[in-house]
Amino acid sequence: MEKIITINDTQQIKLSNNLAWTMEYRQQFGRDALQDHIPLLVSITETISALIGQFDGEITQKEFIQAIEGRVFDLLVPIMQTELMNVIIDVTWAMAKAADENILPPMQWVRQFDEFPLDVIVPTVYEMMLSGFVSSKNLKRLTNLKEQMTQP
């Protein structure tokens, strides 16, 4: 799957979630991308748990969606407070490299951006990671569940 993220009026990033991105990541950064994401997933899970903790007892799916809707910044704070932001940038670069093998090395690549809006980039990157590592059957089930959860 390929997607294009619009950074601003003049800049876009083309990403691919083909398996090559994981190899580009390891080759460029010397680390396993999935292992690097465990702390990030823990941080996001803790933040979501704190948001949900505002409810007494059980929470419905609709209440859950409403609790996190518009709270992207709250979910991004743990990323911005740690070195995990570098992991997001590294994965984004690796997915861009998988989409276009002619992109610049990471340091030169990031210098070309006037801004790097995590609230736009993170959801797209994680959706692409999920769709690359989850079977199409289960991904369809998750997509259907997401659609059901967001219906009024």
Protein backbone atom coordinates (compact mmCIF):
# COMPACT_ATOMS: atom_id res chain seq x y z
CA MET A 1 0.00 0.00 0.00
CA GLU A 2 1.20 3.49 -0.74
CA LYS A 3 -0.10 6.74 0.75
CA ILE A 4 0.82 10.37 0.41
CA ILE A 5 0.89 12.59 3.48
CA THR A 6 0.47 16.30 2.84
CA ILE A 7 2.80 18.19 5.16
CA ASN A 8 1.87 21.68 3.95
CA ASP A 9 0.92 23.48 0.74
CA THR A 10 4.21 22.62 -0.94
CA GLN A 11 5.48 19.43 0.69
CA GLN A 12 4.27 15.84 0.65
CA ILE A 13 5.70 12.49 1.72
CA LYS A 14 4.98 9.35 -0.26
CA LEU A 15 5.07 6.25 1.95
CA SER A 16 4.98 2.53 1.24
CA ASN A 17 4.34 -0.23 3.75
CA ASN A 18 5.85 -3.00 1.64
CA LEU A 19 8.25 -5.19 3.59
CA ALA A 20 11.23 -3.22 2.28
CA TRP A 21 10.66 -0.47 4.85
CA THR A 22 11.60 -2.79 7.73
CA MET A 23 14.83 -3.75 5.96
CA GLU A 24 15.61 -0.11 5.13
CA TYR A 25 15.04 0.74 8.81
CA ARG A 26 17.38 -1.97 10.05
CA GLN A 27 20.04 -1.23 7.45
CA GLN A 28 20.02 2.53 8.07
CA PHE A 29 19.56 2.64 11.84
CA GLY A 30 20.89 -0.76 12.97
CA ARG A 31 17.78 -1.54 15.00
CA ASP A 32 14.58 -3.54 14.63
CA ALA A 33 11.63 -1.24 13.95
CA LEU A 34 9.09 -3.30 15.87
CA GLN A 35 11.26 -3.51 18.99
CA ASP A 36 11.74 0.24 18.85
CA HIS A 37 7.97 0.71 18.90
CA ILE A 38 7.25 -1.24 22.08
CA PRO A 39 7.95 1.80 24.36
CA LEU A 40 5.85 3.97 22.07
CA LEU A 41 2.93 1.55 22.18
CA VAL A 42 3.21 1.39 25.98
CA SER A 43 3.14 5.21 26.20
CA ILE A 44 0.12 5.48 23.95
CA THR A 45 -1.66 2.69 25.84
CA GLU A 46 -0.99 4.42 29.17
CA THR A 47 -2.33 7.71 27.80
CA ILE A 48 -5.48 6.05 26.46
CA SER A 49 -5.95 4.25 29.79
CA ALA A 50 -5.73 7.60 31.60
CA LEU A 51 -8.35 9.08 29.28
CA ILE A 52 -10.64 6.12 29.83
CA GLY A 53 -9.98 6.25 33.57
CA GLN A 54 -12.10 9.39 33.69
CA PHE A 55 -15.16 7.15 33.42
CA ASP A 56 -16.62 5.23 36.35
CA GLY A 57 -17.15 1.54 35.68
CA GLU A 58 -17.54 0.33 32.12
CA ILE A 59 -17.15 2.41 29.01
CA THR A 60 -18.97 1.83 25.75
CA GLN A 61 -17.23 1.84 22.39
CA LYS A 62 -18.96 5.10 21.52
CA GLU A 63 -17.77 6.70 24.78
CA PHE A 64 -14.26 5.46 24.06
CA ILE A 65 -14.24 7.08 20.61
CA GLN A 66 -15.61 10.30 22.09
CA ALA A 67 -12.96 10.22 24.84
CA ILE A 68 -10.06 10.07 22.40
CA GLU A 69 -11.64 12.13 19.63
CA GLY A 70 -9.92 15.47 19.43
CA ARG A 71 -7.28 14.32 21.93
CA VAL A 72 -4.56 13.54 19.39
CA PHE A 73 -2.29 16.05 21.14
CA ASP A 74 -2.70 14.17 24.44
CA LEU A 75 -1.65 10.98 22.69
CA LEU A 76 1.36 12.70 21.13
CA VAL A 77 2.72 14.24 24.34
CA PRO A 78 4.49 11.01 25.45
CA ILE A 79 6.10 10.82 22.02
CA MET A 80 7.32 14.40 22.14
CA GLN A 81 8.70 14.01 25.66
CA THR A 82 10.98 11.12 24.80
CA GLU A 83 13.34 9.91 22.13
CA LEU A 84 10.37 8.11 20.60
CA MET A 85 9.90 11.05 18.27
CA ASN A 86 13.10 9.97 16.53
CA VAL A 87 11.65 6.50 16.07
CA ILE A 88 8.59 8.01 14.34
CA ILE A 89 10.83 10.09 12.09
CA ASP A 90 13.01 7.05 11.35
CA VAL A 91 10.02 4.85 10.45
CA THR A 92 8.55 7.60 8.29
CA TRP A 93 11.89 7.92 6.48
CA ALA A 94 12.11 4.12 6.00
CA MET A 95 8.58 4.01 4.56
CA ALA A 96 9.42 6.93 2.29
CA LYS A 97 12.60 5.13 1.20
CA ALA A 98 10.55 2.00 0.46
CA ALA A 99 8.30 4.15 -1.75
CA ASP A 100 11.19 5.93 -3.47
CA GLU A 101 14.69 4.50 -3.29
CA ASN A 102 16.12 7.84 -4.47
CA ILE A 103 15.20 9.87 -1.39
CA LEU A 104 17.97 11.57 0.54
CA PRO A 105 19.70 10.06 3.59
CA PRO A 106 17.74 10.66 6.82
CA MET A 107 19.49 13.83 8.05
CA GLN A 108 19.29 15.53 4.66
CA TRP A 109 15.73 14.29 4.20
CA VAL A 110 14.41 15.83 7.44
CA ARG A 111 16.15 19.13 6.74
CA GLN A 112 13.94 19.66 3.70
CA PHE A 113 10.77 19.93 5.82
CA ASP A 114 9.66 23.26 7.24
CA GLU A 115 7.38 21.38 9.62
CA PHE A 116 6.73 17.75 10.55
CA PRO A 117 3.15 17.54 11.91
CA LEU A 118 3.04 14.44 14.09
CA ASP A 119 -0.74 14.71 14.44
CA VAL A 120 -0.97 14.04 10.70
CA ILE A 121 1.97 11.67 10.29
CA VAL A 122 1.59 9.30 13.27
CA PRO A 123 -1.95 8.04 12.51
CA THR A 124 -1.05 7.36 8.87
CA VAL A 125 2.23 5.62 9.69
CA TYR A 126 0.61 3.41 12.32
CA GLU A 127 -2.31 2.55 10.08
CA MET A 128 0.19 1.52 7.40
CA MET A 129 2.26 -0.50 9.89
CA LEU A 130 -0.86 -2.33 11.05
CA SER A 131 -2.03 -3.08 7.54
CA GLY A 132 1.43 -4.40 6.68
CA PHE A 133 1.58 -6.81 9.60
CA VAL A 134 -2.04 -7.92 10.01
CA SER A 135 -3.67 -10.37 7.60
CA SER A 136 -6.08 -8.80 5.15
CA LYS A 137 -8.93 -10.84 6.69
CA ASN A 138 -8.24 -9.54 10.20
CA LEU A 139 -7.54 -6.05 8.93
CA LYS A 140 -10.96 -6.03 7.26
CA ARG A 141 -12.53 -7.16 10.56
CA LEU A 142 -10.73 -4.36 12.42
CA THR A 143 -11.78 -1.82 9.79
CA ASN A 144 -15.40 -2.96 10.05
CA LEU A 145 -15.21 -2.75 13.85
CA LYS A 146 -13.77 0.78 13.61
CA GLU A 147 -16.61 1.80 11.28
CA GLN A 148 -19.21 0.32 13.64
CA MET A 149 -17.65 2.11 16.59
CA THR A 150 -17.73 5.48 14.86
CA GLN A 151 -21.35 5.29 13.72
CA PRO A 152 -23.81 7.29 15.85
